[in-house]
C-alpha atoms as a PDB file:
ATOM      1  CA  UNK A   1       0.004  -0.002   0.002  1.00  0.00           C
ATOM      2  CA  UNK A   2       1.258   3.442  -0.860  1.00  0.00           C
ATOM      3  CA  UNK A   3       0.578   6.279   1.568  1.00  0.00           C
ATOM      4  CA  UNK A   4       0.897   9.863   0.363  1.00  0.00           C
ATOM      5  CA  UNK A   5       0.895  12.854   2.700  1.00  0.00           C
ATOM      6  CA  UNK A   6       0.859  16.308   1.210  1.00  0.00           C
ATOM      7  CA  UNK A   7       0.001  19.924   1.855  1.00  0.00           C
ATOM      8  CA  UNK A   8      -2.472  22.056  -0.042  1.00  0.00           C
ATOM      9  CA  UNK A   9      -0.943  24.465  -2.548  1.00  0.00           C
ATOM     10  CA  UNK A  10      -3.463  27.145  -1.724  1.00  0.00           C
ATOM     11  CA  UNK A  11      -5.076  28.066   1.552  1.00  0.00           C
ATOM     12  CA  UNK A  12      -8.430  26.526   2.360  1.00  0.00           C
ATOM     13  CA  UNK A  13     -11.478  28.668   1.710  1.00  0.00           C
ATOM     14  CA  UNK A  14     -14.460  28.566   4.036  1.00  0.00           C
ATOM     15  CA  UNK A  15     -17.647  27.121   2.630  1.00  0.00           C
ATOM     16  CA  UNK A  16     -20.728  28.564   4.336  1.00  0.00           C
ATOM     17  CA  UNK A  17     -22.967  25.543   3.814  1.00  0.00           C
ATOM     18  CA  UNK A  18     -20.415  22.962   4.880  1.00  0.00           C
ATOM     19  CA  UNK A  19     -19.494  24.959   7.970  1.00  0.00           C
ATOM     20  CA  UNK A  20     -23.113  24.720   9.164  1.00  0.00           C
ATOM     21  CA  UNK A  21     -23.250  20.972   8.699  1.00  0.00           C
ATOM     22  CA  UNK A  22     -19.628  20.260   9.573  1.00  0.00           C
ATOM     23  CA  UNK A  23     -20.401  18.472  12.806  1.00  0.00           C
ATOM     24  CA  UNK A  24     -22.828  16.137  10.992  1.00  0.00           C
ATOM     25  CA  UNK A  25     -20.395  15.168   8.215  1.00  0.00           C
ATOM     26  CA  UNK A  26     -18.294  12.094   8.897  1.00  0.00           C
ATOM     27  CA  UNK A  27     -14.590  12.579   9.350  1.00  0.00           C
ATOM     28  CA  UNK A  28     -12.580  11.023   6.529  1.00  0.00           C
ATOM     29  CA  UNK A  29      -9.220  11.187   8.287  1.00  0.00           C
ATOM     30  CA  UNK A  30      -8.247   8.343  10.568  1.00  0.00           C
ATOM     31  CA  UNK A  31      -4.818   9.736  11.379  1.00  0.00           C
ATOM     32  CA  UNK A  32      -4.023  12.957  13.147  1.00  0.00           C
ATOM     33  CA  UNK A  33      -2.489  15.422  10.716  1.00  0.00           C
ATOM     34  CA  UNK A  34      -1.276  18.945  11.204  1.00  0.00           C
ATOM     35  CA  UNK A  35      -3.632  21.772  10.190  1.00  0.00           C
ATOM     36  CA  UNK A  36      -3.477  22.314   6.466  1.00  0.00           C
ATOM     37  CA  UNK A  37      -2.332  18.747   5.771  1.00  0.00           C
ATOM     38  CA  UNK A  38      -4.404  16.028   4.286  1.00  0.00           C
ATOM     39  CA  UNK A  39      -3.832  12.350   3.757  1.00  0.00           C
ATOM     40  CA  UNK A  40      -4.596  10.407   0.606  1.00  0.00           C
ATOM     41  CA  UNK A  41      -4.629   6.634   0.369  1.00  0.00           C
ATOM     42  CA  UNK A  42      -3.653   5.160  -2.970  1.00  0.00           C
ATOM     43  CA  UNK A  43      -4.168   1.470  -3.701  1.00  0.00           C
ATOM     44  CA  UNK A  44      -2.318   0.089  -6.681  1.00  0.00           C
ATOM     45  CA  UNK A  45      -3.545  -3.294  -7.903  1.00  0.00           C
ATOM     46  CA  UNK A  46      -1.444  -5.087 -10.487  1.00  0.00           C
ATOM     47  CA  UNK A  47      -2.961  -7.891 -12.533  1.00  0.00           C
ATOM     48  CA  UNK A  48      -1.236 -10.636 -14.458  1.00  0.00           C
ATOM     49  CA  UNK A  49      -0.518 -10.135 -18.148  1.00  0.00           C
ATOM     50  CA  UNK A  50      -1.075 -12.535 -20.994  1.00  0.00           C
ATOM     51  CA  UNK A  51       1.960 -12.720 -23.306  1.00  0.00           C
ATOM     52  CA  UNK A  52       3.470  -9.857 -21.257  1.00  0.00           C
ATOM     53  CA  UNK A  53       1.169  -7.381 -23.015  1.00  0.00           C
ATOM     54  CA  UNK A  54      -2.526  -7.994 -22.496  1.00  0.00           C
ATOM     55  CA  UNK A  55      -4.174  -7.708 -19.047  1.00  0.00           C
ATOM     56  CA  UNK A  56      -6.253 -10.720 -18.003  1.00  0.00           C
ATOM     57  CA  UNK A  57      -9.424  -8.604 -17.735  1.00  0.00           C
ATOM     58  CA  UNK A  58      -9.104  -7.583 -21.418  1.00  0.00           C
ATOM     59  CA  UNK A  59      -8.986 -11.180 -22.738  1.00  0.00           C
ATOM     60  CA  UNK A  60     -12.805 -11.720 -22.851  1.00  0.00           C
ATOM     61  CA  UNK A  61     -13.339  -8.426 -24.675  1.00  0.00           C
ATOM     62  CA  UNK A  62     -10.613  -9.173 -27.207  1.00  0.00           C
ATOM     63  CA  UNK A  63     -12.002 -12.691 -27.760  1.00  0.00           C
ATOM     64  CA  UNK A  64     -15.464 -11.255 -28.388  1.00  0.00           C
ATOM     65  CA  UNK A  65     -14.082  -8.752 -30.890  1.00  0.00           C
ATOM     66  CA  UNK A  66     -12.251 -11.547 -32.742  1.00  0.00           C
ATOM     67  CA  UNK A  67     -15.347 -13.770 -32.789  1.00  0.00           C
ATOM     68  CA  UNK A  68     -17.575 -10.988 -34.185  1.00  0.00           C
ATOM     69  CA  UNK A  69     -14.900 -10.000 -36.697  1.00  0.00           C
ATOM     70  CA  UNK A  70     -14.532 -13.533 -38.043  1.00  0.00           C
ATOM     71  CA  UNK A  71     -18.312 -13.974 -38.075  1.00  0.00           C
ATOM     72  CA  UNK A  72     -18.808 -10.760 -40.020  1.00  0.00           C
ATOM     73  CA  UNK A  73     -16.008 -11.651 -42.405  1.00  0.00           C
ATOM     74  CA  UNK A  74     -17.680 -14.966 -43.193  1.00  0.00           C
ATOM     75  CA  UNK A  75     -21.301 -13.844 -43.424  1.00  0.00           C
ATOM     76  CA  UNK A  76     -21.211 -10.385 -45.027  1.00  0.00           C
ATOM     77  CA  UNK A  77     -19.817 -11.531 -48.413  1.00  0.00           C
ATOM     78  CA  UNK A  78     -22.452 -14.274 -48.556  1.00  0.00           C
ATOM     79  CA  UNK A  79     -25.242 -11.825 -47.776  1.00  0.00           C
ATOM     80  CA  UNK A  80     -23.966  -9.389 -50.426  1.00  0.00           C
ATOM     81  CA  UNK A  81     -23.889 -12.187 -53.051  1.00  0.00           C
ATOM     82  CA  UNK A  82     -27.447 -13.224 -52.151  1.00  0.00           C
ATOM     83  CA  UNK A  83     -28.668  -9.617 -52.434  1.00  0.00           C
ATOM     84  CA  UNK A  84     -26.919  -9.190 -55.809  1.00  0.00           C
ATOM     85  CA  UNK A  85     -28.490 -12.404 -57.114  1.00  0.00           C
ATOM     86  CA  UNK A  86     -31.921 -11.258 -55.925  1.00  0.00           C
ATOM     87  CA  UNK A  87     -31.420  -7.857 -57.613  1.00  0.00           C
ATOM     88  CA  UNK A  88     -30.225  -9.409 -60.889  1.00  0.00           C
ATOM     89  CA  UNK A  89     -33.038 -11.922 -61.004  1.00  0.00           C
ATOM     90  CA  UNK A  90     -35.652  -9.247 -60.357  1.00  0.00           C
ATOM     91  CA  UNK A  91     -34.375  -6.457 -62.643  1.00  0.00           C
ATOM     92  CA  UNK A  92     -32.083  -8.270 -64.997  1.00  0.00           C
ATOM     93  CA  UNK A  93     -28.473  -7.238 -65.382  1.00  0.00           C
ATOM     94  CA  UNK A  94     -27.961  -3.629 -64.312  1.00  0.00           C
ATOM     95  CA  UNK A  95     -24.960  -1.669 -65.606  1.00  0.00           C
END
């Protein structure tokens, strides 16, 4: 886990609505920090790669793209030929 502590670059500005409800809002800080400091938690999750390039979560999407691409490549020419035959048989040969 990576823990980042930093200071604001500009001073904090009061917000009239939040000041009224400040005691009702939950505190997000679990650690005591100096005034003007805030703490940010950063979780970095690494996932295994397929062939050192493709993340495991992208494999199903890539497989689906390949399946639809192959399916379209096989069916579209057949559909076009059928439509051309239907057009030629109905209207004769069109130049």
